[in-house]
């Protein structure tokens, strides 16, 4: 199957859920060794879950199907350029190749605010009008992290 055909599968899935008011115009497909593992779409509106983006949904579906949290060797096809959350999920999943159709400015032109988040990250997380981050007792986390390390738990 050609890459554009895989992207169209993701777009078709997005179109269906978009028209059903389940989510926005975003779809994603995950492929490994030429086999389509998952095709998903944005379902934020239907699930009332702001993390239910197409890429995250596809990653969850692929991980479940493959029985792993590590998608090394997989490729992801996304109808939109991944937002920061989705890009983080793609990187955490060890997906090294991302094919996109839309660019960030395309989503911005219809009102999506990915650019807002990119600027927040780029500006060192300092814009309190976006999100205020306050550090509390750091020892709470350090104790937890040390316990994890002492028990030689899996690092992913």
C-alpha atoms as a PDB file:
ATOM      1  CA  UNK A   1       0.000   0.000   0.000  1.00  0.00           C
ATOM      2  CA  UNK A   2       1.340   3.455  -0.882  1.00  0.00           C
ATOM      3  CA  UNK A   3       2.024   5.988   1.863  1.00  0.00           C
ATOM      4  CA  UNK A   4      -0.639   8.335   0.511  1.00  0.00           C
ATOM      5  CA  UNK A   5      -3.202   5.503   0.678  1.00  0.00           C
ATOM      6  CA  UNK A   6      -2.383   4.954   4.346  1.00  0.00           C
ATOM      7  CA  UNK A   7      -2.776   8.697   4.969  1.00  0.00           C
ATOM      8  CA  UNK A   8      -6.152   8.563   3.226  1.00  0.00           C
ATOM      9  CA  UNK A   9      -7.257   5.750   5.563  1.00  0.00           C
ATOM     10  CA  UNK A  10      -6.425   8.009   8.498  1.00  0.00           C
ATOM     11  CA  UNK A  11      -8.283  10.893   6.833  1.00  0.00           C
ATOM     12  CA  UNK A  12     -11.326   8.719   6.161  1.00  0.00           C
ATOM     13  CA  UNK A  13     -11.438   7.664   9.820  1.00  0.00           C
ATOM     14  CA  UNK A  14     -11.146  11.318  10.876  1.00  0.00           C
ATOM     15  CA  UNK A  15     -13.881  12.367   8.469  1.00  0.00           C
ATOM     16  CA  UNK A  16     -16.270   9.781   9.916  1.00  0.00           C
ATOM     17  CA  UNK A  17     -15.812  10.787  13.541  1.00  0.00           C
ATOM     18  CA  UNK A  18     -15.685  14.483  12.609  1.00  0.00           C
ATOM     19  CA  UNK A  19     -19.050  14.257  10.858  1.00  0.00           C
ATOM     20  CA  UNK A  20     -20.474  12.360  13.846  1.00  0.00           C
ATOM     21  CA  UNK A  21     -19.266  15.191  16.138  1.00  0.00           C
ATOM     22  CA  UNK A  22     -17.009  12.794  18.028  1.00  0.00           C
ATOM     23  CA  UNK A  23     -13.811  14.727  17.368  1.00  0.00           C
ATOM     24  CA  UNK A  24     -11.861  17.126  15.224  1.00  0.00           C
ATOM     25  CA  UNK A  25     -10.474  16.643  11.718  1.00  0.00           C
ATOM     26  CA  UNK A  26      -7.529  14.490  12.771  1.00  0.00           C
ATOM     27  CA  UNK A  27      -6.701  10.881  12.000  1.00  0.00           C
ATOM     28  CA  UNK A  28      -3.668   8.660  12.473  1.00  0.00           C
ATOM     29  CA  UNK A  29      -2.467   5.255  11.351  1.00  0.00           C
ATOM     30  CA  UNK A  30       0.364   3.138  12.699  1.00  0.00           C
ATOM     31  CA  UNK A  31       2.202   0.751  10.411  1.00  0.00           C
ATOM     32  CA  UNK A  32       4.861  -1.858  11.163  1.00  0.00           C
ATOM     33  CA  UNK A  33       6.691  -3.821   8.489  1.00  0.00           C
ATOM     34  CA  UNK A  34       4.120  -2.746   5.906  1.00  0.00           C
ATOM     35  CA  UNK A  35       1.172  -3.956   8.004  1.00  0.00           C
ATOM     36  CA  UNK A  36      -1.431  -1.512   9.283  1.00  0.00           C
ATOM     37  CA  UNK A  37      -1.576  -2.006  13.046  1.00  0.00           C
ATOM     38  CA  UNK A  38      -4.019   0.751  14.009  1.00  0.00           C
ATOM     39  CA  UNK A  39      -6.149   3.448  12.422  1.00  0.00           C
ATOM     40  CA  UNK A  40      -7.738   5.933  14.766  1.00  0.00           C
ATOM     41  CA  UNK A  41      -9.096   9.433  14.955  1.00  0.00           C
ATOM     42  CA  UNK A  42      -9.606  12.274  17.367  1.00  0.00           C
ATOM     43  CA  UNK A  43     -12.403  11.480  19.830  1.00  0.00           C
ATOM     44  CA  UNK A  44     -12.074  14.381  22.271  1.00  0.00           C
ATOM     45  CA  UNK A  45     -15.694  15.506  21.957  1.00  0.00           C
ATOM     46  CA  UNK A  46     -17.269  12.062  22.184  1.00  0.00           C
ATOM     47  CA  UNK A  47     -15.170  10.818  25.085  1.00  0.00           C
ATOM     48  CA  UNK A  48     -14.896  14.147  26.914  1.00  0.00           C
ATOM     49  CA  UNK A  49     -11.166  13.402  27.110  1.00  0.00           C
ATOM     50  CA  UNK A  50      -8.777  16.181  26.041  1.00  0.00           C
ATOM     51  CA  UNK A  51      -6.008  13.592  25.543  1.00  0.00           C
ATOM     52  CA  UNK A  52      -8.016  11.559  23.009  1.00  0.00           C
ATOM     53  CA  UNK A  53      -6.129  12.900  20.005  1.00  0.00           C
ATOM     54  CA  UNK A  54      -5.788  10.722  16.916  1.00  0.00           C
ATOM     55  CA  UNK A  55      -2.110   9.959  17.450  1.00  0.00           C
ATOM     56  CA  UNK A  56      -2.572   9.064  21.130  1.00  0.00           C
ATOM     57  CA  UNK A  57      -5.589   6.898  20.308  1.00  0.00           C
ATOM     58  CA  UNK A  58      -3.646   5.125  17.555  1.00  0.00           C
ATOM     59  CA  UNK A  59      -0.665   4.575  19.872  1.00  0.00           C
ATOM     60  CA  UNK A  60      -2.940   3.120  22.554  1.00  0.00           C
ATOM     61  CA  UNK A  61      -4.615   0.829  20.022  1.00  0.00           C
ATOM     62  CA  UNK A  62      -1.296  -0.317  18.523  1.00  0.00           C
ATOM     63  CA  UNK A  63       0.251  -0.978  21.943  1.00  0.00           C
ATOM     64  CA  UNK A  64      -2.757  -3.012  22.991  1.00  0.00           C
ATOM     65  CA  UNK A  65      -2.748  -4.999  19.748  1.00  0.00           C
ATOM     66  CA  UNK A  66       0.997  -5.669  19.897  1.00  0.00           C
ATOM     67  CA  UNK A  67       1.059  -6.212  23.659  1.00  0.00           C
ATOM     68  CA  UNK A  68       3.839  -3.700  24.297  1.00  0.00           C
ATOM     69  CA  UNK A  69       4.523  -0.107  25.289  1.00  0.00           C
ATOM     70  CA  UNK A  70       7.409   0.060  22.801  1.00  0.00           C
ATOM     71  CA  UNK A  71       6.487   0.724  19.173  1.00  0.00           C
ATOM     72  CA  UNK A  72      10.056   0.572  17.858  1.00  0.00           C
ATOM     73  CA  UNK A  73       9.958  -0.179  14.152  1.00  0.00           C
ATOM     74  CA  UNK A  74       6.535   1.408  13.675  1.00  0.00           C
ATOM     75  CA  UNK A  75       5.723   4.459  11.597  1.00  0.00           C
ATOM     76  CA  UNK A  76       2.864   6.845  12.237  1.00  0.00           C
ATOM     77  CA  UNK A  77       0.818   8.688   9.628  1.00  0.00           C
ATOM     78  CA  UNK A  78      -0.990  11.755  10.968  1.00  0.00           C
ATOM     79  CA  UNK A  79      -3.370  13.953   9.030  1.00  0.00           C
ATOM     80  CA  UNK A  80      -2.177  16.932  11.074  1.00  0.00           C
ATOM     81  CA  UNK A  81       1.227  17.883  12.387  1.00  0.00           C
ATOM     82  CA  UNK A  82       1.344  16.355  15.886  1.00  0.00           C
ATOM     83  CA  UNK A  83       0.639  18.728  18.750  1.00  0.00           C
ATOM     84  CA  UNK A  84       3.182  18.814  21.586  1.00  0.00           C
ATOM     85  CA  UNK A  85       1.286  16.165  23.576  1.00  0.00           C
ATOM     86  CA  UNK A  86       1.093  13.825  20.602  1.00  0.00           C
ATOM     87  CA  UNK A  87       4.720  14.445  19.662  1.00  0.00           C
ATOM     88  CA  UNK A  88       5.666  13.536  23.226  1.00  0.00           C
ATOM     89  CA  UNK A  89       3.607  10.334  23.003  1.00  0.00           C
ATOM     90  CA  UNK A  90       5.208   9.457  19.649  1.00  0.00           C
ATOM     91  CA  UNK A  91       8.680   9.927  21.095  1.00  0.00           C
ATOM     92  CA  UNK A  92       7.823   7.979  24.286  1.00  0.00           C
ATOM     93  CA  UNK A  93       6.508   5.138  22.089  1.00  0.00           C
ATOM     94  CA  UNK A  94       9.849   5.052  20.203  1.00  0.00           C
ATOM     95  CA  UNK A  95       8.259   5.757  16.839  1.00  0.00           C
ATOM     96  CA  UNK A  96      11.061   7.192  14.725  1.00  0.00           C
ATOM     97  CA  UNK A  97       9.224   8.074  11.517  1.00  0.00           C
ATOM     98  CA  UNK A  98       6.231  10.427  11.317  1.00  0.00           C
ATOM     99  CA  UNK A  99       4.426  11.196   8.078  1.00  0.00           C
ATOM    100  CA  UNK A 100       2.158  14.255   8.161  1.00  0.00           C
ATOM    101  CA  UNK A 101      -0.292  15.779   5.762  1.00  0.00           C
ATOM    102  CA  UNK A 102      -1.203  19.071   7.440  1.00  0.00           C
ATOM    103  CA  UNK A 103       1.221  21.583   8.921  1.00  0.00           C
ATOM    104  CA  UNK A 104       0.856  23.515  12.206  1.00  0.00           C
ATOM    105  CA  UNK A 105      -0.334  26.662  10.464  1.00  0.00           C
ATOM    106  CA  UNK A 106      -3.120  24.710   8.738  1.00  0.00           C
ATOM    107  CA  UNK A 107      -4.650  23.772  12.104  1.00  0.00           C
ATOM    108  CA  UNK A 108      -4.025  27.267  13.450  1.00  0.00           C
ATOM    109  CA  UNK A 109      -5.851  28.787  10.468  1.00  0.00           C
ATOM    110  CA  UNK A 110      -9.072  27.023  11.505  1.00  0.00           C
ATOM    111  CA  UNK A 111      -8.735  27.890  15.203  1.00  0.00           C
ATOM    112  CA  UNK A 112      -6.730  25.097  16.834  1.00  0.00           C
ATOM    113  CA  UNK A 113      -4.226  26.374  19.397  1.00  0.00           C
ATOM    114  CA  UNK A 114      -1.210  24.116  19.049  1.00  0.00           C
ATOM    115  CA  UNK A 115       0.915  27.201  18.366  1.00  0.00           C
ATOM    116  CA  UNK A 116      -0.107  28.552  21.773  1.00  0.00           C
ATOM    117  CA  UNK A 117       1.340  25.461  23.451  1.00  0.00           C
ATOM    118  CA  UNK A 118       4.494  25.460  21.309  1.00  0.00           C
ATOM    119  CA  UNK A 119       5.146  29.076  22.346  1.00  0.00           C
ATOM    120  CA  UNK A 120       4.583  28.214  26.018  1.00  0.00           C
ATOM    121  CA  UNK A 121       7.173  25.431  25.840  1.00  0.00           C
ATOM    122  CA  UNK A 122       9.623  27.549  23.839  1.00  0.00           C
ATOM    123  CA  UNK A 123       9.340  30.423  26.325  1.00  0.00           C
ATOM    124  CA  UNK A 124      10.520  28.203  29.200  1.00  0.00           C
ATOM    125  CA  UNK A 125       7.048  27.520  30.636  1.00  0.00           C
ATOM    126  CA  UNK A 126       6.890  31.005  32.123  1.00  0.00           C
ATOM    127  CA  UNK A 127       3.614  32.397  30.735  1.00  0.00           C
ATOM    128  CA  UNK A 128       1.277  32.118  33.743  1.00  0.00           C
ATOM    129  CA  UNK A 129      -1.666  33.134  31.584  1.00  0.00           C
ATOM    130  CA  UNK A 130      -1.262  29.737  29.879  1.00  0.00           C
ATOM    131  CA  UNK A 131      -0.361  27.619  32.892  1.00  0.00           C
ATOM    132  CA  UNK A 132       1.305  28.288  36.219  1.00  0.00           C
ATOM    133  CA  UNK A 133       3.769  25.692  37.465  1.00  0.00           C
ATOM    134  CA  UNK A 134       4.662  25.737  41.170  1.00  0.00           C
ATOM    135  CA  UNK A 135       7.286  23.462  42.683  1.00  0.00           C
ATOM    136  CA  UNK A 136       6.401  21.924  46.044  1.00  0.00           C
ATOM    137  CA  UNK A 137       8.523  19.714  48.310  1.00  0.00           C
ATOM    138  CA  UNK A 138      10.925  18.079  45.869  1.00  0.00           C
ATOM    139  CA  UNK A 139      11.814  15.364  48.394  1.00  0.00           C
ATOM    140  CA  UNK A 140       8.388  13.754  47.931  1.00  0.00           C
ATOM    141  CA  UNK A 141       9.230  12.933  44.310  1.00  0.00           C
ATOM    142  CA  UNK A 142      12.860  12.091  45.071  1.00  0.00           C
ATOM    143  CA  UNK A 143      11.798   9.470  47.632  1.00  0.00           C
ATOM    144  CA  UNK A 144       9.465   7.896  45.105  1.00  0.00           C
ATOM    145  CA  UNK A 145      12.071   7.985  42.313  1.00  0.00           C
ATOM    146  CA  UNK A 146      14.756   6.519  44.588  1.00  0.00           C
ATOM    147  CA  UNK A 147      12.446   3.670  45.576  1.00  0.00           C
ATOM    148  CA  UNK A 148      11.801   2.925  41.897  1.00  0.00           C
ATOM    149  CA  UNK A 149      15.539   2.937  41.155  1.00  0.00           C
ATOM    150  CA  UNK A 150      16.376   0.771  44.204  1.00  0.00           C
ATOM    151  CA  UNK A 151      13.965  -1.899  43.012  1.00  0.00           C
ATOM    152  CA  UNK A 152      15.512  -1.734  39.525  1.00  0.00           C
ATOM    153  CA  UNK A 153      12.178  -1.157  37.868  1.00  0.00           C
ATOM    154  CA  UNK A 154      11.904  -0.876  34.090  1.00  0.00           C
ATOM    155  CA  UNK A 155      12.989   2.440  32.599  1.00  0.00           C
ATOM    156  CA  UNK A 156      10.990   3.344  29.506  1.00  0.00           C
END
